[in-house]
Amino acid sequence: MGRLVVTEFLSVDGVYEDPGGADGTENGGWTFRFDRGEEGNRFKLDELMAADAQLLGRTTYEGFARAWPAMQGTGAFGEKMNAIPKYVVSATLREATWASTTIIREGVPEEVRRLKARYGGDVLVAGSGQLVRALMADGLVDEIRLMIFPVVLGRGKRLFEAAPMTTLRLAEVKPVGPDGVIVARYSRAVAS
């Protein structure tokens, strides 16, 4: 049975919005100001390679679907991003154009339980804040991985805004790269 793993880029004040700058927000692209080093890059590659599927909300899916198929020079990471089975949760998305994508329109908790049973590796959730909060409320998240960047943005969408109270168990925390980026892993997110 697979695990549902949430992976997020996060500012110190909890903002996850537009880390790569593709959405054009005022603070977009904030992760690119920092060097996460070889260790941080290896962490992201290893986490993707351990995944058997991705589960995404519509907004994150649309951003990824615009970027990844056309991105050049991404090697094994890009190949895996484009080939991995993807599931997008949306009641409004009409068509999934990115290869290997299935739309989940209803019955999300049951579908996620089926995905976890179907895959032996991780089912990886990136971005997708509204979906993450719903998955947490349903007790479906097995691990949360946060790559925390040393910046306070002051505004933007916060990952855990309006999330259910949840107790996390710290599994690991370590700095990566020369700029003070931190990776924090929390196991079994349990709503309190």
N, C-alpha and C. Protein backbone atom coordinates (compact mmCIF):
# COMPACT_ATOMS: atom_id res chain seq x y z
N MET A 1 0.85 -1.18 0.00
CA MET A 1 0.00 0.00 0.00
C MET A 1 0.89 1.24 0.00
N GLY A 2 0.53 2.19 -0.84
CA GLY A 2 1.29 3.43 -0.95
C GLY A 2 0.94 4.42 0.14
N ARG A 3 1.74 5.45 0.20
CA ARG A 3 1.51 6.52 1.17
C ARG A 3 1.18 7.80 0.42
N LEU A 4 0.35 8.64 1.02
CA LEU A 4 0.06 9.95 0.46
C LEU A 4 1.03 10.93 1.10
N VAL A 5 1.88 11.54 0.25
CA VAL A 5 2.93 12.44 0.72
C VAL A 5 2.69 13.82 0.14
N VAL A 6 2.52 14.79 1.01
CA VAL A 6 2.39 16.19 0.62
C VAL A 6 3.78 16.80 0.62
N THR A 7 4.15 17.46 -0.48
CA THR A 7 5.44 18.13 -0.56
C THR A 7 5.22 19.57 -0.98
N GLU A 8 5.81 20.49 -0.24
CA GLU A 8 5.53 21.91 -0.47
C GLU A 8 6.78 22.76 -0.32
N PHE A 9 6.86 23.81 -1.14
CA PHE A 9 7.79 24.90 -0.91
C PHE A 9 7.03 25.90 -0.05
N LEU A 10 7.67 26.39 1.01
CA LEU A 10 6.98 27.24 1.97
C LEU A 10 7.89 28.37 2.42
N SER A 11 7.34 29.56 2.56
CA SER A 11 8.09 30.66 3.18
C SER A 11 8.01 30.49 4.70
N VAL A 12 8.83 31.21 5.41
CA VAL A 12 8.81 31.12 6.87
C VAL A 12 7.43 31.49 7.43
N ASP A 13 6.72 32.40 6.76
CA ASP A 13 5.39 32.78 7.25
C ASP A 13 4.27 31.94 6.63
N GLY A 14 4.62 30.79 6.05
CA GLY A 14 3.61 29.82 5.64
C GLY A 14 3.02 30.00 4.26
N VAL A 15 3.58 30.88 3.43
CA VAL A 15 3.06 31.10 2.09
C VAL A 15 3.60 30.02 1.15
N TYR A 16 2.70 29.46 0.35
CA TYR A 16 3.10 28.46 -0.64
C TYR A 16 2.81 28.94 -2.06
N GLU A 17 2.18 30.08 -2.19
CA GLU A 17 1.70 30.59 -3.47
C GLU A 17 2.84 30.99 -4.41
N ASP A 18 2.75 30.55 -5.64
CA ASP A 18 3.60 30.98 -6.75
C ASP A 18 5.09 30.91 -6.46
N PRO A 19 5.59 29.78 -5.97
CA PRO A 19 7.02 29.71 -5.64
C PRO A 19 7.93 29.84 -6.86
N GLY A 20 7.44 29.43 -8.02
CA GLY A 20 8.26 29.49 -9.22
C GLY A 20 8.02 30.72 -10.08
N GLY A 21 7.01 31.51 -9.76
CA GLY A 21 6.74 32.74 -10.49
C GLY A 21 5.87 32.60 -11.72
N ALA A 22 5.37 31.42 -12.00
CA ALA A 22 4.56 31.20 -13.21
C ALA A 22 3.21 31.90 -13.16
N ASP A 23 2.71 32.19 -11.96
CA ASP A 23 1.38 32.80 -11.85
C ASP A 23 1.42 34.32 -11.91
N GLY A 24 2.60 34.89 -11.87
CA GLY A 24 2.73 36.33 -12.00
C GLY A 24 2.27 37.13 -10.80
N THR A 25 2.28 36.53 -9.62
CA THR A 25 1.90 37.28 -8.42
C THR A 25 3.03 38.23 -8.03
N GLU A 26 2.72 39.18 -7.16
CA GLU A 26 3.70 40.20 -6.77
C GLU A 26 4.99 39.60 -6.24
N ASN A 27 4.89 38.56 -5.41
CA ASN A 27 6.08 37.93 -4.84
C ASN A 27 6.49 36.65 -5.55
N GLY A 28 5.89 36.37 -6.69
CA GLY A 28 6.15 35.12 -7.40
C GLY A 28 7.62 34.89 -7.70
N GLY A 29 8.01 33.64 -7.67
CA GLY A 29 9.39 33.25 -7.96
C GLY A 29 10.31 33.34 -6.76
N TRP A 30 9.74 33.43 -5.58
CA TRP A 30 10.54 33.64 -4.37
C TRP A 30 11.52 32.52 -4.08
N THR A 31 11.27 31.31 -4.54
CA THR A 31 12.22 30.22 -4.26
C THR A 31 13.51 30.38 -5.04
N PHE A 32 13.47 31.07 -6.18
CA PHE A 32 14.66 31.20 -7.02
C PHE A 32 15.70 32.16 -6.44
N ARG A 33 15.36 32.85 -5.38
CA ARG A 33 16.32 33.75 -4.73
C ARG A 33 17.33 32.98 -3.88
N PHE A 34 17.10 31.69 -3.72
CA PHE A 34 17.90 30.91 -2.78
C PHE A 34 18.50 29.69 -3.45
N ASP A 35 19.69 29.32 -3.00
CA ASP A 35 20.38 28.12 -3.48
C ASP A 35 20.08 26.99 -2.50
N ARG A 36 19.33 26.01 -2.96
CA ARG A 36 19.03 24.87 -2.08
C ARG A 36 20.11 23.81 -2.17
N GLY A 37 21.11 24.04 -2.99
CA GLY A 37 22.29 23.19 -3.05
C GLY A 37 22.02 21.82 -3.65
N GLU A 38 23.08 21.07 -3.80
CA GLU A 38 22.99 19.72 -4.35
C GLU A 38 22.12 18.82 -3.46
N GLU A 39 22.24 19.00 -2.15
CA GLU A 39 21.45 18.18 -1.22
C GLU A 39 19.96 18.44 -1.38
N GLY A 40 19.58 19.69 -1.54
CA GLY A 40 18.17 20.03 -1.75
C GLY A 40 17.65 19.52 -3.08
N ASN A 41 18.47 19.64 -4.12
CA ASN A 41 18.09 19.11 -5.43
C ASN A 41 17.95 17.60 -5.39
N ARG A 42 18.86 16.92 -4.70
CA ARG A 42 18.80 15.46 -4.56
C ARG A 42 17.54 15.05 -3.80
N PHE A 43 17.19 15.80 -2.77
CA PHE A 43 15.98 15.52 -2.00
C PHE A 43 14.75 15.53 -2.91
N LYS A 44 14.63 16.58 -3.75
CA LYS A 44 13.48 16.69 -4.65
C LYS A 44 13.48 15.57 -5.69
N LEU A 45 14.65 15.23 -6.23
CA LEU A 45 14.73 14.14 -7.21
C LEU A 45 14.37 12.81 -6.56
N ASP A 46 14.93 12.52 -5.41
CA ASP A 46 14.65 11.25 -4.72
C ASP A 46 13.17 11.12 -4.38
N GLU A 47 12.55 12.22 -3.95
CA GLU A 47 11.14 12.16 -3.58
C GLU A 47 10.28 11.86 -4.81
N LEU A 48 10.60 12.48 -5.94
CA LEU A 48 9.84 12.20 -7.17
C LEU A 48 10.07 10.77 -7.64
N MET A 49 11.29 10.30 -7.57
CA MET A 49 11.60 8.94 -8.05
C MET A 49 10.92 7.88 -7.17
N ALA A 50 10.66 8.19 -5.91
CA ALA A 50 9.99 7.25 -5.01
C ALA A 50 8.47 7.24 -5.22
N ALA A 51 7.97 8.17 -6.01
CA ALA A 51 6.53 8.28 -6.23
C ALA A 51 6.08 7.43 -7.41
N ASP A 52 4.92 6.83 -7.27
CA ASP A 52 4.30 6.08 -8.35
C ASP A 52 3.21 6.88 -9.05
N ALA A 53 2.76 7.97 -8.41
CA ALA A 53 1.69 8.79 -8.98
C ALA A 53 1.73 10.17 -8.34
N GLN A 54 1.11 11.13 -9.04
CA GLN A 54 0.92 12.47 -8.48
C GLN A 54 -0.58 12.75 -8.39
N LEU A 55 -0.95 13.44 -7.32
CA LEU A 55 -2.32 13.88 -7.11
C LEU A 55 -2.26 15.40 -6.98
N LEU A 56 -3.01 16.11 -7.82
CA LEU A 56 -2.91 17.56 -7.87
C LEU A 56 -4.28 18.21 -7.89
N GLY A 57 -4.34 19.42 -7.35
CA GLY A 57 -5.52 20.25 -7.53
C GLY A 57 -5.47 20.88 -8.92
N ARG A 58 -6.58 21.45 -9.34
CA ARG A 58 -6.67 21.98 -10.70
C ARG A 58 -5.65 23.08 -10.99
N THR A 59 -5.52 24.05 -10.10
CA THR A 59 -4.62 25.17 -10.35
C THR A 59 -3.18 24.70 -10.49
N THR A 60 -2.72 23.86 -9.59
CA THR A 60 -1.35 23.34 -9.68
C THR A 60 -1.20 22.49 -10.93
N TYR A 61 -2.19 21.66 -11.21
CA TYR A 61 -2.13 20.84 -12.42
C TYR A 61 -1.97 21.70 -13.67
N GLU A 62 -2.79 22.75 -13.78
CA GLU A 62 -2.73 23.59 -14.97
C GLU A 62 -1.37 24.25 -15.13
N GLY A 63 -0.78 24.69 -14.02
CA GLY A 63 0.55 25.29 -14.07
C GLY A 63 1.61 24.28 -14.49
N PHE A 64 1.55 23.10 -13.90
CA PHE A 64 2.50 22.03 -14.25
C PHE A 64 2.32 21.61 -15.71
N ALA A 65 1.06 21.47 -16.14
CA ALA A 65 0.77 21.01 -17.51
C ALA A 65 1.25 22.01 -18.56
N ARG A 66 1.26 23.30 -18.20
CA ARG A 66 1.80 24.31 -19.12
C ARG A 66 3.32 24.23 -19.19
N ALA A 67 3.95 23.97 -18.06
CA ALA A 67 5.41 24.08 -17.97
C ALA A 67 6.16 22.81 -18.34
N TRP A 68 5.82 21.69 -17.74
CA TRP A 68 6.67 20.50 -17.83
C TRP A 68 6.78 19.89 -19.22
N PRO A 69 5.73 19.75 -19.98
CA PRO A 69 5.90 19.12 -21.29
C PRO A 69 6.85 19.88 -22.22
N ALA A 70 6.96 21.19 -22.04
CA ALA A 70 7.78 22.01 -22.94
C ALA A 70 9.17 22.31 -22.37
N MET A 71 9.42 21.93 -21.11
CA MET A 71 10.68 22.26 -20.48
C MET A 71 11.82 21.41 -21.05
N GLN A 72 12.91 22.05 -21.37
CA GLN A 72 14.06 21.37 -21.93
C GLN A 72 15.15 21.17 -20.87
N GLY A 73 15.95 20.13 -21.05
CA GLY A 73 17.13 19.92 -20.22
C GLY A 73 16.85 19.55 -18.78
N THR A 74 15.74 18.92 -18.51
CA THR A 74 15.40 18.57 -17.13
C THR A 74 15.78 17.14 -16.77
N GLY A 75 16.30 16.39 -17.72
CA GLY A 75 16.80 15.05 -17.46
C GLY A 75 15.78 14.11 -16.86
N ALA A 76 16.26 13.29 -15.93
CA ALA A 76 15.43 12.26 -15.30
C ALA A 76 14.23 12.86 -14.58
N PHE A 77 14.42 14.03 -13.97
CA PHE A 77 13.32 14.67 -13.24
C PHE A 77 12.17 15.00 -14.20
N GLY A 78 12.48 15.67 -15.30
CA GLY A 78 11.46 16.05 -16.27
C GLY A 78 10.82 14.85 -16.93
N GLU A 79 11.63 13.83 -17.22
CA GLU A 79 11.08 12.61 -17.82
C GLU A 79 10.06 11.97 -16.90
N LYS A 80 10.39 11.90 -15.62
CA LYS A 80 9.48 11.30 -14.64
C LYS A 80 8.22 12.17 -14.48
N MET A 81 8.39 13.49 -14.41
CA MET A 81 7.23 14.38 -14.28
C MET A 81 6.24 14.18 -15.43
N ASN A 82 6.75 14.00 -16.61
CA ASN A 82 5.88 13.86 -17.78
C ASN A 82 5.29 12.46 -17.92
N ALA A 83 5.97 11.45 -17.40
CA ALA A 83 5.52 10.07 -17.58
C ALA A 83 4.66 9.54 -16.43
N ILE A 84 4.87 10.04 -15.23
CA ILE A 84 4.19 9.51 -14.05
C ILE A 84 2.66 9.65 -14.20
N PRO A 85 1.89 8.67 -13.74
CA PRO A 85 0.44 8.84 -13.73
C PRO A 85 0.05 10.03 -12.85
N LYS A 86 -0.83 10.86 -13.39
CA LYS A 86 -1.26 12.06 -12.69
C LYS A 86 -2.77 12.02 -12.52
N TYR A 87 -3.22 12.46 -11.35
CA TYR A 87 -4.64 12.53 -11.04
C TYR A 87 -4.91 13.96 -10.61
N VAL A 88 -5.87 14.60 -11.26
CA VAL A 88 -6.19 15.98 -10.94
C VAL A 88 -7.62 16.03 -10.40
N VAL A 89 -7.77 16.66 -9.24
CA VAL A 89 -9.08 16.79 -8.60
C VAL A 89 -9.69 18.11 -9.08
N SER A 90 -10.81 18.00 -9.80
CA SER A 90 -11.47 19.20 -10.31
C SER A 90 -12.89 18.88 -10.76
N ALA A 91 -13.79 19.77 -10.38
CA ALA A 91 -15.16 19.66 -10.87
C ALA A 91 -15.34 20.49 -12.14
N THR A 92 -14.35 21.32 -12.48
CA THR A 92 -14.51 22.25 -13.60
C THR A 92 -13.59 21.96 -14.79
N LEU A 93 -12.51 21.25 -14.59
CA LEU A 93 -11.58 20.97 -15.69
C LEU A 93 -12.28 20.07 -16.71
N ARG A 94 -12.33 20.51 -17.94
CA ARG A 94 -13.04 19.76 -18.99
C ARG A 94 -12.19 18.67 -19.62
N GLU A 95 -10.91 18.95 -19.79
CA GLU A 95 -10.05 18.03 -20.49
C GLU A 95 -8.65 18.06 -19.87
N ALA A 96 -8.06 16.89 -19.72
CA ALA A 96 -6.68 16.79 -19.23
C ALA A 96 -5.77 16.57 -20.42
N THR A 97 -4.93 17.56 -20.71
CA THR A 97 -4.10 17.49 -21.91
C THR A 97 -2.70 16.95 -21.65
N TRP A 98 -2.26 16.93 -20.41
CA TRP A 98 -0.93 16.45 -20.07
C TRP A 98 -0.97 14.92 -20.05
N ALA A 99 0.01 14.30 -20.64
CA ALA A 99 0.06 12.83 -20.76
C ALA A 99 -0.17 12.15 -19.41
N SER A 100 -0.84 11.03 -19.46
CA SER A 100 -1.05 10.15 -18.29
C SER A 100 -1.85 10.82 -17.18
N THR A 101 -2.84 11.62 -17.54
CA THR A 101 -3.64 12.32 -16.54
C THR A 101 -5.08 11.83 -16.53
N THR A 102 -5.60 11.63 -15.31
CA THR A 102 -6.99 11.26 -15.09
C THR A 102 -7.63 12.33 -14.22
N ILE A 103 -8.84 12.72 -14.56
CA ILE A 103 -9.56 13.72 -13.76
C ILE A 103 -10.44 13.00 -12.74
N ILE A 104 -10.35 13.44 -11.49
CA ILE A 104 -11.23 12.97 -10.41
C ILE A 104 -12.23 14.08 -10.15
N ARG A 105 -13.50 13.83 -10.43
CA ARG A 105 -14.52 14.87 -10.31
C ARG A 105 -15.32 14.79 -9.00
N GLU A 106 -15.43 13.60 -8.44
CA GLU A 106 -16.23 13.44 -7.22
C GLU A 106 -15.71 12.26 -6.43
N GLY A 107 -16.18 12.13 -5.20
CA GLY A 107 -15.78 11.01 -4.36
C GLY A 107 -14.29 11.00 -4.07
N VAL A 108 -13.73 12.18 -3.81
CA VAL A 108 -12.28 12.31 -3.67
C VAL A 108 -11.71 11.41 -2.56
N PRO A 109 -12.26 11.40 -1.35
CA PRO A 109 -11.66 10.54 -0.31
C PRO A 109 -11.59 9.06 -0.73
N GLU A 110 -12.66 8.58 -1.33
CA GLU A 110 -12.69 7.18 -1.75
C GLU A 110 -11.68 6.93 -2.87
N GLU A 111 -11.59 7.86 -3.82
CA GLU A 111 -10.62 7.72 -4.92
C GLU A 111 -9.19 7.74 -4.40
N VAL A 112 -8.92 8.59 -3.43
CA VAL A 112 -7.57 8.66 -2.86
C VAL A 112 -7.24 7.37 -2.13
N ARG A 113 -8.20 6.82 -1.41
CA ARG A 113 -7.96 5.52 -0.76
C ARG A 113 -7.65 4.44 -1.80
N ARG A 114 -8.35 4.47 -2.93
CA ARG A 114 -8.08 3.51 -4.01
C ARG A 114 -6.68 3.71 -4.59
N LEU A 115 -6.27 4.96 -4.76
CA LEU A 115 -4.93 5.23 -5.28
C LEU A 115 -3.86 4.70 -4.32
N LYS A 116 -4.06 4.94 -3.03
CA LYS A 116 -3.09 4.45 -2.05
C LYS A 116 -3.01 2.93 -2.06
N ALA A 117 -4.15 2.27 -2.28
CA ALA A 117 -4.16 0.81 -2.35
C ALA A 117 -3.56 0.30 -3.66
N ARG A 118 -3.73 1.05 -4.73
CA ARG A 118 -3.26 0.63 -6.05
C ARG A 118 -1.75 0.71 -6.19
N TYR A 119 -1.15 1.77 -5.64
CA TYR A 119 0.28 2.01 -5.84
C TYR A 119 1.08 1.59 -4.61
N GLY A 120 2.23 1.00 -4.84
CA GLY A 120 3.11 0.60 -3.75
C GLY A 120 4.01 1.73 -3.29
N GLY A 121 4.33 2.66 -4.22
CA GLY A 121 5.15 3.82 -3.88
C GLY A 121 4.28 4.97 -3.43
N ASP A 122 4.91 6.11 -3.29
CA ASP A 122 4.19 7.29 -2.81
C ASP A 122 3.25 7.86 -3.86
N VAL A 123 2.17 8.44 -3.38
CA VAL A 123 1.30 9.29 -4.18
C VAL A 123 1.64 10.69 -3.70
N LEU A 124 2.24 11.48 -4.58
CA LEU A 124 2.82 12.77 -4.23
C LEU A 124 1.86 13.90 -4.55
N VAL A 125 1.66 14.79 -3.57
CA VAL A 125 0.81 15.97 -3.75
C VAL A 125 1.69 17.20 -3.59
N ALA A 126 1.80 18.02 -4.65
CA ALA A 126 2.56 19.27 -4.59
C ALA A 126 1.60 20.44 -4.75
N GLY A 127 1.94 21.57 -4.11
CA GLY A 127 1.05 22.73 -4.20
C GLY A 127 -0.34 22.35 -3.73
N SER A 128 -1.36 22.74 -4.49
CA SER A 128 -2.72 22.22 -4.30
C SER A 128 -3.25 22.42 -2.87
N GLY A 129 -3.12 23.63 -2.35
CA GLY A 129 -3.46 23.92 -0.96
C GLY A 129 -4.86 23.52 -0.55
N GLN A 130 -5.86 23.84 -1.34
CA GLN A 130 -7.23 23.48 -1.00
C GLN A 130 -7.38 21.97 -0.90
N LEU A 131 -6.79 21.25 -1.83
CA LEU A 131 -6.83 19.79 -1.81
C LEU A 131 -6.09 19.25 -0.59
N VAL A 132 -4.93 19.81 -0.29
CA VAL A 132 -4.15 19.35 0.87
C VAL A 132 -4.97 19.49 2.15
N ARG A 133 -5.63 20.64 2.31
CA ARG A 133 -6.43 20.84 3.53
C ARG A 133 -7.57 19.83 3.62
N ALA A 134 -8.20 19.52 2.49
CA ALA A 134 -9.28 18.52 2.48
C ALA A 134 -8.74 17.13 2.80
N LEU A 135 -7.61 16.79 2.25
CA LEU A 135 -6.99 15.48 2.52
C LEU A 135 -6.61 15.35 3.99
N MET A 136 -6.11 16.45 4.56
CA MET A 136 -5.79 16.44 5.99
C MET A 136 -7.04 16.24 6.83
N ALA A 137 -8.11 16.93 6.47
CA ALA A 137 -9.37 16.82 7.22
C ALA A 137 -9.92 15.40 7.17
N ASP A 138 -9.67 14.71 6.05
CA ASP A 138 -10.14 13.33 5.90
C ASP A 138 -9.15 12.30 6.45
N GLY A 139 -8.03 12.76 7.02
CA GLY A 139 -7.06 11.84 7.62
C GLY A 139 -6.31 11.00 6.61
N LEU A 140 -6.14 11.51 5.40
CA LEU A 140 -5.52 10.72 4.32
C LEU A 140 -4.04 11.00 4.12
N VAL A 141 -3.49 12.02 4.77
CA VAL A 141 -2.09 12.39 4.58
C VAL A 141 -1.21 11.56 5.51
N ASP A 142 -0.22 10.89 4.92
CA ASP A 142 0.71 10.07 5.70
C ASP A 142 1.98 10.82 6.07
N GLU A 143 2.40 11.75 5.22
CA GLU A 143 3.62 12.51 5.50
C GLU A 143 3.52 13.88 4.84
N ILE A 144 4.08 14.88 5.52
CA ILE A 144 4.19 16.23 4.98
C ILE A 144 5.67 16.58 4.93
N ARG A 145 6.11 17.01 3.75
CA ARG A 145 7.50 17.44 3.56
C ARG A 145 7.49 18.91 3.17
N LEU A 146 8.15 19.70 3.97
CA LEU A 146 8.20 21.13 3.73
C LEU A 146 9.64 21.55 3.42
N MET A 147 9.84 22.20 2.30
CA MET A 147 11.12 22.84 2.02
C MET A 147 10.89 24.31 2.33
N ILE A 148 11.44 24.74 3.47
CA ILE A 148 11.17 26.06 4.00
C ILE A 148 12.30 27.01 3.60
N PHE A 149 11.91 28.09 2.92
CA PHE A 149 12.87 29.07 2.43
C PHE A 149 12.93 30.24 3.40
N PRO A 150 14.13 30.79 3.64
CA PRO A 150 14.30 31.84 4.65
C PRO A 150 13.84 33.21 4.16
N VAL A 151 12.54 33.33 3.97
CA VAL A 151 11.96 34.59 3.53
C VAL A 151 10.58 34.74 4.17
N VAL A 152 10.26 35.95 4.57
CA VAL A 152 8.92 36.29 5.04
C VAL A 152 8.30 37.12 3.92
N LEU A 153 7.24 36.61 3.32
CA LEU A 153 6.62 37.29 2.19
C LEU A 153 5.56 38.31 2.61
N GLY A 154 4.96 38.09 3.77
CA GLY A 154 3.99 39.06 4.28
C GLY A 154 2.61 38.97 3.69
N ARG A 155 2.49 38.36 2.53
CA ARG A 155 1.17 38.18 1.91
C ARG A 155 1.27 37.01 0.94
N GLY A 156 0.10 36.52 0.57
CA GLY A 156 0.02 35.37 -0.32
C GLY A 156 -0.78 34.26 0.33
N LYS A 157 -1.10 33.27 -0.46
CA LYS A 157 -1.89 32.15 0.05
C LYS A 157 -1.04 31.33 1.00
N ARG A 158 -1.63 31.08 2.17
CA ARG A 158 -0.93 30.28 3.19
C ARG A 158 -1.45 28.85 3.13
N LEU A 159 -0.53 27.93 3.17
CA LEU A 159 -0.87 26.52 3.01
C LEU A 159 -1.86 26.05 4.06
N PHE A 160 -1.63 26.39 5.30
CA PHE A 160 -2.45 25.83 6.37
C PHE A 160 -3.55 26.77 6.85
N GLU A 161 -3.82 27.83 6.09
CA GLU A 161 -4.90 28.74 6.45
C GLU A 161 -6.22 27.98 6.41
N ALA A 162 -6.96 28.05 7.48
CA ALA A 162 -8.25 27.37 7.62
C ALA A 162 -8.13 25.84 7.56
N ALA A 163 -6.94 25.31 7.82
CA ALA A 163 -6.77 23.85 7.88
C ALA A 163 -7.28 23.36 9.24
N PRO A 164 -7.67 22.09 9.30
CA PRO A 164 -8.10 21.56 10.60
C PRO A 164 -6.89 21.46 11.54
N MET A 165 -7.15 21.61 12.84
CA MET A 165 -6.06 21.43 13.79
C MET A 165 -5.51 20.02 13.61
N THR A 166 -4.20 19.93 13.45
CA THR A 166 -3.57 18.66 13.13
C THR A 166 -2.29 18.51 13.92
N THR A 167 -2.09 17.36 14.52
CA THR A 167 -0.86 17.07 15.24
C THR A 167 0.09 16.34 14.30
N LEU A 168 1.32 16.87 14.22
CA LEU A 168 2.33 16.28 13.35
C LEU A 168 3.47 15.74 14.20
N ARG A 169 4.13 14.70 13.69
CA ARG A 169 5.31 14.15 14.37
C ARG A 169 6.53 14.43 13.51
N LEU A 170 7.48 15.14 14.07
CA LEU A 170 8.69 15.47 13.33
C LEU A 170 9.50 14.20 13.07
N ALA A 171 9.76 13.93 11.79
CA ALA A 171 10.56 12.76 11.41
C ALA A 171 12.00 13.17 11.11
N GLU A 172 12.17 14.39 10.56
CA GLU A 172 13.51 14.83 10.19
C GLU A 172 13.48 16.33 9.93
N VAL A 173 14.55 16.99 10.28
CA VAL A 173 14.76 18.38 9.89
C VAL A 173 16.24 18.56 9.58
N LYS A 174 16.51 19.21 8.43
CA LYS A 174 17.92 19.42 8.08
C LYS A 174 18.04 20.61 7.14
N PRO A 175 19.13 21.36 7.30
CA PRO A 175 19.40 22.44 6.35
C PRO A 175 19.94 21.85 5.05
N VAL A 176 19.61 22.49 3.92
CA VAL A 176 20.15 22.09 2.62
C VAL A 176 20.64 23.34 1.91
N GLY A 177 21.74 23.23 1.25
CA GLY A 177 22.28 24.36 0.50
C GLY A 177 22.88 25.42 1.39
N PRO A 178 23.52 26.40 0.78
CA PRO A 178 24.25 27.44 1.53
C PRO A 178 23.40 28.61 2.02
N ASP A 179 22.13 28.69 1.61
CA ASP A 179 21.32 29.87 1.89
C ASP A 179 20.31 29.72 3.03
N GLY A 180 20.40 28.64 3.79
CA GLY A 180 19.50 28.50 4.93
C GLY A 180 18.16 27.87 4.63
N VAL A 181 18.03 27.18 3.50
CA VAL A 181 16.81 26.44 3.19
C VAL A 181 16.78 25.21 4.11
N ILE A 182 15.61 24.90 4.61
CA ILE A 182 15.43 23.78 5.55
C ILE A 182 14.43 22.80 4.99
N VAL A 183 14.71 21.51 5.12
CA VAL A 183 13.75 20.47 4.80
C VAL A 183 13.24 19.91 6.13
N ALA A 184 11.93 19.94 6.30
CA ALA A 184 11.29 19.36 7.49
C ALA A 184 10.30 18.31 7.04
N ARG A 185 10.43 17.11 7.60
CA ARG A 185 9.51 16.01 7.29
C ARG A 185 8.71 15.68 8.53
N TYR A 186 7.40 15.58 8.33
CA TYR A 186 6.49 15.24 9.41
C TYR A 186 5.72 13.99 9.03
N SER A 187 5.63 13.05 9.94
CA SER A 187 4.90 11.83 9.64
C SER A 187 3.48 11.90 10.17
N ARG A 188 2.65 11.11 9.55
CA ARG A 188 1.25 10.90 9.89
C ARG A 188 0.53 12.13 10.40
N ALA A 189 -0.02 12.87 9.49
CA ALA A 189 -0.80 14.04 9.85
C ALA A 189 -2.15 13.59 10.38
N VAL A 190 -2.40 13.81 11.66
CA VAL A 190 -3.62 13.34 12.31
C VAL A 190 -4.42 14.54 12.79
N ALA A 191 -5.63 14.71 12.28
CA ALA A 191 -6.49 15.82 12.74
C ALA A 191 -6.75 15.65 14.22
N SER A 192 -6.64 16.73 14.95
CA SER A 192 -6.80 16.69 16.41
C SER A 192 -8.24 16.98 16.80
